[in-house]
Amino acid sequence: MGIFMGEKTLSCVDCGTQNCKFKTRTYPEFCLTTNLAEEDSAWALERYDEDRNKEIMIASAEVEYEGYCQWTRVQEIMEFARKIGARKIGIANCIGLINEARIFARILRANGFEPYAVICKVEGRAKTSVGIPSECENIGPAMCNPILQARLLNQAGTDLNVVIGLCVGHDSLFYRYSEAYVTTLVTKDRVTGNNPAAALYTAGSYYKKKFGV
């Protein structure tokens, strides 16, 4: 929910205080915290009691606290996995990041985990076979198959799945169909060397005209 002010709906990105993280708080008029419906708060709290959500939430907070500004994301994932008792780690990786996936798998094995990977091009199905326009095959004929990736990892009985570089949208489908909880190690960006935040850091300079900001 956002608050409509004139021609645009304001939300958390428009707030200059970030006071929701403090005990003593003042908020802008459009604040989602002060305008929060009790039923929405109650709904979210109820969800933390479902499945393993509370356990996941506590483990996440502990990893954030214990490794704050000390652990890399690779280490955070392993510590998180240990806390939730995850030993078999699924890897859903882009074929373009197979080397990164292999390195991650090697690190997992060295630390007592069992990695199991399914690459994005599994099955090698033609893009046009599912209605993708034929011109999309100009950068490669085989479609990415995130739903099949999820199914095969589900069948393998992975305890936690890790995404390494799935395309925008393909990752959305993978998250939706994965039965295990999912975290992301690498977000692919072919232009910035897999550092998509670089476009945000340069939005006021190099990318200013490109983004129209």
C-alpha atoms as a PDB file:
ATOM      1  CA  MET A   1       0.000   0.000   0.000  1.00  0.00           C
ATOM      2  CA  GLY A   2       1.188   3.522  -0.787  1.00  0.00           C
ATOM      3  CA  ILE A   3      -0.362   6.939  -0.201  1.00  0.00           C
ATOM      4  CA  PHE A   4      -1.503   8.923  -3.229  1.00  0.00           C
ATOM      5  CA  MET A   5      -0.075  12.462  -3.190  1.00  0.00           C
ATOM      6  CA  GLY A   6      -0.932  14.529  -6.238  1.00  0.00           C
ATOM      7  CA  GLU A   7       0.223  12.712  -9.357  1.00  0.00           C
ATOM      8  CA  LYS A   8       2.155   9.858  -7.771  1.00  0.00           C
ATOM      9  CA  THR A   9       1.830   7.222  -5.098  1.00  0.00           C
ATOM     10  CA  LEU A  10       4.466   7.595  -2.400  1.00  0.00           C
ATOM     11  CA  SER A  11       6.095   4.662  -0.634  1.00  0.00           C
ATOM     12  CA  CYS A  12       9.227   3.753   1.312  1.00  0.00           C
ATOM     13  CA  VAL A  13      11.647   4.928  -1.391  1.00  0.00           C
ATOM     14  CA  ASP A  14      10.238   8.453  -0.994  1.00  0.00           C
ATOM     15  CA  CYS A  15      10.910   8.586   2.766  1.00  0.00           C
ATOM     16  CA  GLY A  16      13.862  10.600   4.043  1.00  0.00           C
ATOM     17  CA  THR A  17      13.870   9.360   7.638  1.00  0.00           C
ATOM     18  CA  GLN A  18      14.116   5.553   7.622  1.00  0.00           C
ATOM     19  CA  ASN A  19      12.912   5.858  11.215  1.00  0.00           C
ATOM     20  CA  CYS A  20      11.144   2.489  11.131  1.00  0.00           C
ATOM     21  CA  LYS A  21      14.450   0.951  12.293  1.00  0.00           C
ATOM     22  CA  PHE A  22      14.608   3.072  15.461  1.00  0.00           C
ATOM     23  CA  LYS A  23      12.685   2.876  18.738  1.00  0.00           C
ATOM     24  CA  THR A  24      12.008   6.629  18.808  1.00  0.00           C
ATOM     25  CA  ARG A  25      10.243   7.454  15.596  1.00  0.00           C
ATOM     26  CA  THR A  26       8.719  10.229  13.566  1.00  0.00           C
ATOM     27  CA  TYR A  27       7.207   9.468  10.191  1.00  0.00           C
ATOM     28  CA  PRO A  28       6.116  11.286   7.030  1.00  0.00           C
ATOM     29  CA  GLU A  29       2.413  11.560   6.311  1.00  0.00           C
ATOM     30  CA  PHE A  30       2.534   8.801   3.683  1.00  0.00           C
ATOM     31  CA  CYS A  31       4.456   6.320   5.873  1.00  0.00           C
ATOM     32  CA  LEU A  32       3.470   2.693   5.333  1.00  0.00           C
ATOM     33  CA  THR A  33       4.122   1.952   9.019  1.00  0.00           C
ATOM     34  CA  THR A  34       1.743   4.551  10.428  1.00  0.00           C
ATOM     35  CA  ASN A  35      -0.855   3.803   7.745  1.00  0.00           C
ATOM     36  CA  LEU A  36      -0.576   0.056   8.202  1.00  0.00           C
ATOM     37  CA  ALA A  37      -3.835  -1.836   8.590  1.00  0.00           C
ATOM     38  CA  GLU A  38      -3.917  -4.113  11.620  1.00  0.00           C
ATOM     39  CA  GLU A  39      -5.144  -6.984   9.463  1.00  0.00           C
ATOM     40  CA  ASP A  40      -2.030  -6.727   7.267  1.00  0.00           C
ATOM     41  CA  SER A  41       0.271  -6.790  10.289  1.00  0.00           C
ATOM     42  CA  ALA A  42      -1.613  -9.754  11.732  1.00  0.00           C
ATOM     43  CA  TRP A  43      -1.529 -11.596   8.413  1.00  0.00           C
ATOM     44  CA  ALA A  44       2.265 -11.264   8.176  1.00  0.00           C
ATOM     45  CA  LEU A  45       2.796 -12.371  11.772  1.00  0.00           C
ATOM     46  CA  GLU A  46       0.612 -15.423  11.200  1.00  0.00           C
ATOM     47  CA  ARG A  47       2.716 -16.410   8.184  1.00  0.00           C
ATOM     48  CA  TYR A  48       5.848 -16.572  10.376  1.00  0.00           C
ATOM     49  CA  ASP A  49       4.177 -19.447  12.207  1.00  0.00           C
ATOM     50  CA  GLU A  50       3.689 -21.421   8.989  1.00  0.00           C
ATOM     51  CA  ASP A  51       6.006 -24.208   7.832  1.00  0.00           C
ATOM     52  CA  ARG A  52       9.594 -23.351   8.796  1.00  0.00           C
ATOM     53  CA  ASN A  53       9.225 -19.605   8.327  1.00  0.00           C
ATOM     54  CA  LYS A  54      10.028 -18.637  11.921  1.00  0.00           C
ATOM     55  CA  GLU A  55      13.098 -20.872  11.964  1.00  0.00           C
ATOM     56  CA  ILE A  56      14.252 -19.352   8.671  1.00  0.00           C
ATOM     57  CA  MET A  57      13.647 -15.840   9.980  1.00  0.00           C
ATOM     58  CA  ILE A  58      15.629 -16.434  13.177  1.00  0.00           C
ATOM     59  CA  ALA A  59      18.511 -18.095  11.322  1.00  0.00           C
ATOM     60  CA  SER A  60      18.622 -15.198   8.856  1.00  0.00           C
ATOM     61  CA  ALA A  61      18.802 -12.632  11.649  1.00  0.00           C
ATOM     62  CA  GLU A  62      21.542 -14.580  13.400  1.00  0.00           C
ATOM     63  CA  VAL A  63      23.624 -14.793  10.210  1.00  0.00           C
ATOM     64  CA  GLU A  64      23.179 -11.073   9.605  1.00  0.00           C
ATOM     65  CA  TYR A  65      24.294 -10.318  13.176  1.00  0.00           C
ATOM     66  CA  GLU A  66      27.153 -12.788  13.492  1.00  0.00           C
ATOM     67  CA  GLY A  67      28.738 -12.072  10.128  1.00  0.00           C
ATOM     68  CA  TYR A  68      27.899  -8.379   9.792  1.00  0.00           C
ATOM     69  CA  CYS A  69      30.487  -6.792   7.449  1.00  0.00           C
ATOM     70  CA  GLN A  70      32.757  -9.812   7.992  1.00  0.00           C
ATOM     71  CA  TRP A  71      31.363 -12.722   5.987  1.00  0.00           C
ATOM     72  CA  THR A  72      31.074 -12.878   2.214  1.00  0.00           C
ATOM     73  CA  ARG A  73      27.731 -13.991   0.802  1.00  0.00           C
ATOM     74  CA  VAL A  74      29.225 -17.400   0.058  1.00  0.00           C
ATOM     75  CA  GLN A  75      30.036 -17.829   3.733  1.00  0.00           C
ATOM     76  CA  GLU A  76      26.684 -16.394   4.798  1.00  0.00           C
ATOM     77  CA  ILE A  77      24.889 -19.011   2.706  1.00  0.00           C
ATOM     78  CA  MET A  78      26.883 -21.822   4.287  1.00  0.00           C
ATOM     79  CA  GLU A  79      26.307 -20.525   7.811  1.00  0.00           C
ATOM     80  CA  PHE A  80      22.615 -20.102   7.084  1.00  0.00           C
ATOM     81  CA  ALA A  81      22.451 -23.640   5.690  1.00  0.00           C
ATOM     82  CA  ARG A  82      24.049 -25.023   8.841  1.00  0.00           C
ATOM     83  CA  LYS A  83      21.606 -23.200  11.075  1.00  0.00           C
ATOM     84  CA  ILE A  84      18.572 -24.648   9.272  1.00  0.00           C
ATOM     85  CA  GLY A  85      20.095 -28.123   8.960  1.00  0.00           C
ATOM     86  CA  ALA A  86      20.435 -27.969   5.179  1.00  0.00           C
ATOM     87  CA  ARG A  87      23.054 -30.363   3.852  1.00  0.00           C
ATOM     88  CA  LYS A  88      22.014 -31.005   0.241  1.00  0.00           C
ATOM     89  CA  ILE A  89      22.340 -27.677  -1.547  1.00  0.00           C
ATOM     90  CA  GLY A  90      20.673 -27.253  -4.924  1.00  0.00           C
ATOM     91  CA  ILE A  91      22.314 -24.979  -7.461  1.00  0.00           C
ATOM     92  CA  ALA A  92      20.192 -23.441 -10.227  1.00  0.00           C
ATOM     93  CA  ASN A  93      22.741 -21.802 -12.470  1.00  0.00           C
ATOM     94  CA  CYS A  94      22.970 -20.058 -15.793  1.00  0.00           C
ATOM     95  CA  ILE A  95      25.111 -21.876 -18.336  1.00  0.00           C
ATOM     96  CA  GLY A  96      27.136 -18.664 -18.671  1.00  0.00           C
ATOM     97  CA  LEU A  97      28.158 -18.954 -15.023  1.00  0.00           C
ATOM     98  CA  ILE A  98      29.085 -22.632 -15.011  1.00  0.00           C
ATOM     99  CA  ASN A  99      32.591 -21.851 -13.760  1.00  0.00           C
ATOM    100  CA  GLU A 100      31.198 -19.871 -10.840  1.00  0.00           C
ATOM    101  CA  ALA A 101      28.806 -22.725 -10.079  1.00  0.00           C
ATOM    102  CA  ARG A 102      31.678 -25.230 -10.137  1.00  0.00           C
ATOM    103  CA  ILE A 103      33.730 -23.115  -7.739  1.00  0.00           C
ATOM    104  CA  PHE A 104      30.764 -22.751  -5.404  1.00  0.00           C
ATOM    105  CA  ALA A 105      30.136 -26.496  -5.517  1.00  0.00           C
ATOM    106  CA  ARG A 106      33.786 -27.151  -4.692  1.00  0.00           C
ATOM    107  CA  ILE A 107      33.570 -24.808  -1.704  1.00  0.00           C
ATOM    108  CA  LEU A 108      30.379 -26.513  -0.537  1.00  0.00           C
ATOM    109  CA  ARG A 109      31.952 -29.963  -0.719  1.00  0.00           C
ATOM    110  CA  ALA A 110      35.014 -28.775   1.183  1.00  0.00           C
ATOM    111  CA  ASN A 111      32.715 -27.576   3.948  1.00  0.00           C
ATOM    112  CA  GLY A 112      30.683 -30.742   4.338  1.00  0.00           C
ATOM    113  CA  PHE A 113      27.741 -29.989   2.051  1.00  0.00           C
ATOM    114  CA  GLU A 114      26.403 -32.009  -0.881  1.00  0.00           C
ATOM    115  CA  PRO A 115      25.870 -29.784  -3.937  1.00  0.00           C
ATOM    116  CA  TYR A 116      23.467 -30.808  -6.692  1.00  0.00           C
ATOM    117  CA  ALA A 117      23.247 -28.552  -9.747  1.00  0.00           C
ATOM    118  CA  VAL A 118      20.794 -28.225 -12.601  1.00  0.00           C
ATOM    119  CA  ILE A 119      21.885 -25.932 -15.418  1.00  0.00           C
ATOM    120  CA  CYS A 120      19.457 -23.554 -17.142  1.00  0.00           C
ATOM    121  CA  LYS A 121      19.621 -25.264 -20.547  1.00  0.00           C
ATOM    122  CA  VAL A 122      18.672 -28.676 -19.170  1.00  0.00           C
ATOM    123  CA  GLU A 123      16.768 -30.723 -21.791  1.00  0.00           C
ATOM    124  CA  GLY A 124      18.059 -28.470 -24.604  1.00  0.00           C
ATOM    125  CA  ARG A 125      14.542 -27.663 -25.770  1.00  0.00           C
ATOM    126  CA  ALA A 126      14.174 -25.251 -28.715  1.00  0.00           C
ATOM    127  CA  LYS A 127      12.867 -21.827 -27.786  1.00  0.00           C
ATOM    128  CA  THR A 128      10.241 -21.899 -30.521  1.00  0.00           C
ATOM    129  CA  SER A 129       8.772 -25.108 -29.094  1.00  0.00           C
ATOM    130  CA  VAL A 130       7.071 -23.123 -26.320  1.00  0.00           C
ATOM    131  CA  GLY A 131       6.119 -20.108 -28.425  1.00  0.00           C
ATOM    132  CA  ILE A 132       9.228 -17.969 -27.962  1.00  0.00           C
ATOM    133  CA  PRO A 133       9.741 -15.843 -31.127  1.00  0.00           C
ATOM    134  CA  SER A 134      12.215 -17.392 -33.554  1.00  0.00           C
ATOM    135  CA  GLU A 135      14.421 -14.285 -33.579  1.00  0.00           C
ATOM    136  CA  CYS A 136      15.275 -15.023 -29.943  1.00  0.00           C
ATOM    137  CA  GLU A 137      17.174 -18.062 -31.197  1.00  0.00           C
ATOM    138  CA  ASN A 138      19.733 -15.727 -32.766  1.00  0.00           C
ATOM    139  CA  ILE A 139      21.566 -15.700 -29.410  1.00  0.00           C
ATOM    140  CA  GLY A 140      21.152 -19.440 -28.963  1.00  0.00           C
ATOM    141  CA  PRO A 141      18.524 -21.989 -29.991  1.00  0.00           C
ATOM    142  CA  ALA A 142      17.950 -23.703 -26.646  1.00  0.00           C
ATOM    143  CA  MET A 143      15.536 -22.191 -24.157  1.00  0.00           C
ATOM    144  CA  CYS A 144      16.286 -21.675 -20.496  1.00  0.00           C
ATOM    145  CA  ASN A 145      14.085 -24.026 -18.496  1.00  0.00           C
ATOM    146  CA  PRO A 146      13.716 -22.695 -14.930  1.00  0.00           C
ATOM    147  CA  ILE A 147      10.532 -24.641 -14.196  1.00  0.00           C
ATOM    148  CA  LEU A 148      12.286 -27.900 -15.084  1.00  0.00           C
ATOM    149  CA  GLN A 149      15.304 -26.807 -13.020  1.00  0.00           C
ATOM    150  CA  ALA A 150      13.000 -26.405 -10.031  1.00  0.00           C
ATOM    151  CA  ARG A 151      11.294 -29.748 -10.635  1.00  0.00           C
ATOM    152  CA  LEU A 152      14.561 -31.669 -10.894  1.00  0.00           C
ATOM    153  CA  LEU A 153      15.891 -30.052  -7.728  1.00  0.00           C
ATOM    154  CA  ASN A 154      12.607 -30.846  -6.007  1.00  0.00           C
ATOM    155  CA  GLN A 155      12.977 -34.470  -7.065  1.00  0.00           C
ATOM    156  CA  ALA A 156      16.567 -34.501  -5.821  1.00  0.00           C
ATOM    157  CA  GLY A 157      15.284 -33.503  -2.386  1.00  0.00           C
ATOM    158  CA  THR A 158      17.482 -30.466  -1.909  1.00  0.00           C
ATOM    159  CA  ASP A 159      17.301 -28.752   1.476  1.00  0.00           C
ATOM    160  CA  LEU A 160      18.122 -25.262   0.192  1.00  0.00           C
ATOM    161  CA  ASN A 161      18.417 -23.950  -3.368  1.00  0.00           C
ATOM    162  CA  VAL A 162      20.888 -21.302  -4.518  1.00  0.00           C
ATOM    163  CA  VAL A 163      20.442 -19.257  -7.697  1.00  0.00           C
ATOM    164  CA  ILE A 164      23.568 -18.404  -9.656  1.00  0.00           C
ATOM    165  CA  GLY A 165      22.890 -15.998 -12.502  1.00  0.00           C
ATOM    166  CA  LEU A 166      19.468 -16.966 -13.818  1.00  0.00           C
ATOM    167  CA  CYS A 167      18.050 -14.453 -16.286  1.00  0.00           C
ATOM    168  CA  VAL A 168      15.519 -11.830 -15.263  1.00  0.00           C
ATOM    169  CA  GLY A 169      12.138 -13.543 -15.290  1.00  0.00           C
ATOM    170  CA  HIS A 170      13.604 -17.022 -15.464  1.00  0.00           C
ATOM    171  CA  ASP A 171      14.585 -16.540 -11.836  1.00  0.00           C
ATOM    172  CA  SER A 172      10.988 -15.526 -11.085  1.00  0.00           C
ATOM    173  CA  LEU A 173       9.710 -18.831 -12.451  1.00  0.00           C
ATOM    174  CA  PHE A 174      12.343 -20.782 -10.555  1.00  0.00           C
ATOM    175  CA  TYR A 175      11.460 -19.099  -7.253  1.00  0.00           C
ATOM    176  CA  ARG A 176       7.798 -19.874  -7.843  1.00  0.00           C
ATOM    177  CA  TYR A 177       8.238 -23.605  -8.439  1.00  0.00           C
ATOM    178  CA  SER A 178      11.059 -24.439  -6.057  1.00  0.00           C
ATOM    179  CA  GLU A 179       9.790 -26.447  -3.095  1.00  0.00           C
ATOM    180  CA  ALA A 180      12.887 -25.702  -1.020  1.00  0.00           C
ATOM    181  CA  TYR A 181      13.621 -22.215   0.262  1.00  0.00           C
ATOM    182  CA  VAL A 182      15.753 -20.232  -2.188  1.00  0.00           C
ATOM    183  CA  THR A 183      18.531 -17.682  -1.812  1.00  0.00           C
ATOM    184  CA  THR A 184      20.557 -15.931  -4.505  1.00  0.00           C
ATOM    185  CA  LEU A 185      24.343 -15.950  -4.740  1.00  0.00           C
ATOM    186  CA  VAL A 186      24.844 -14.200  -8.091  1.00  0.00           C
ATOM    187  CA  THR A 187      22.516 -11.848  -9.963  1.00  0.00           C
ATOM    188  CA  LYS A 188      23.529 -11.816 -13.603  1.00  0.00           C
ATOM    189  CA  ASP A 189      24.273  -8.573 -15.420  1.00  0.00           C
ATOM    190  CA  ARG A 190      26.269  -9.157 -18.599  1.00  0.00           C
ATOM    191  CA  VAL A 191      27.106  -5.458 -18.969  1.00  0.00           C
ATOM    192  CA  THR A 192      28.465  -4.789 -15.466  1.00  0.00           C
ATOM    193  CA  GLY A 193      30.256  -8.061 -14.779  1.00  0.00           C
ATOM    194  CA  ASN A 194      27.354  -9.371 -12.686  1.00  0.00           C
ATOM    195  CA  ASN A 195      27.222  -6.285 -10.482  1.00  0.00           C
ATOM    196  CA  PRO A 196      23.781  -4.833 -11.287  1.00  0.00           C
ATOM    197  CA  ALA A 197      24.099  -2.250  -8.527  1.00  0.00           C
ATOM    198  CA  ALA A 198      26.771  -0.546 -10.669  1.00  0.00           C
ATOM    199  CA  ALA A 199      24.008   0.880 -12.862  1.00  0.00           C
ATOM    200  CA  LEU A 200      22.420   2.399  -9.764  1.00  0.00           C
ATOM    201  CA  TYR A 201      25.706   3.822  -8.508  1.00  0.00           C
ATOM    202  CA  THR A 202      26.284   5.511 -11.891  1.00  0.00           C
ATOM    203  CA  ALA A 203      22.655   6.578 -12.475  1.00  0.00           C
ATOM    204  CA  GLY A 204      23.648  10.167 -11.670  1.00  0.00           C
ATOM    205  CA  SER A 205      26.571  10.164 -14.084  1.00  0.00           C
ATOM    206  CA  TYR A 206      27.331   7.585 -16.797  1.00  0.00           C
ATOM    207  CA  TYR A 207      23.831   6.083 -16.947  1.00  0.00           C
ATOM    208  CA  LYS A 208      21.950   9.304 -16.344  1.00  0.00           C
ATOM    209  CA  LYS A 209      20.888   9.761 -19.979  1.00  0.00           C
ATOM    210  CA  LYS A 210      20.240   6.064 -20.497  1.00  0.00           C
ATOM    211  CA  PHE A 211      17.783   5.928 -17.590  1.00  0.00           C
ATOM    212  CA  GLY A 212      16.290   9.373 -18.035  1.00  0.00           C
ATOM    213  CA  VAL A 213      16.912  10.406 -14.431  1.00  0.00           C
END
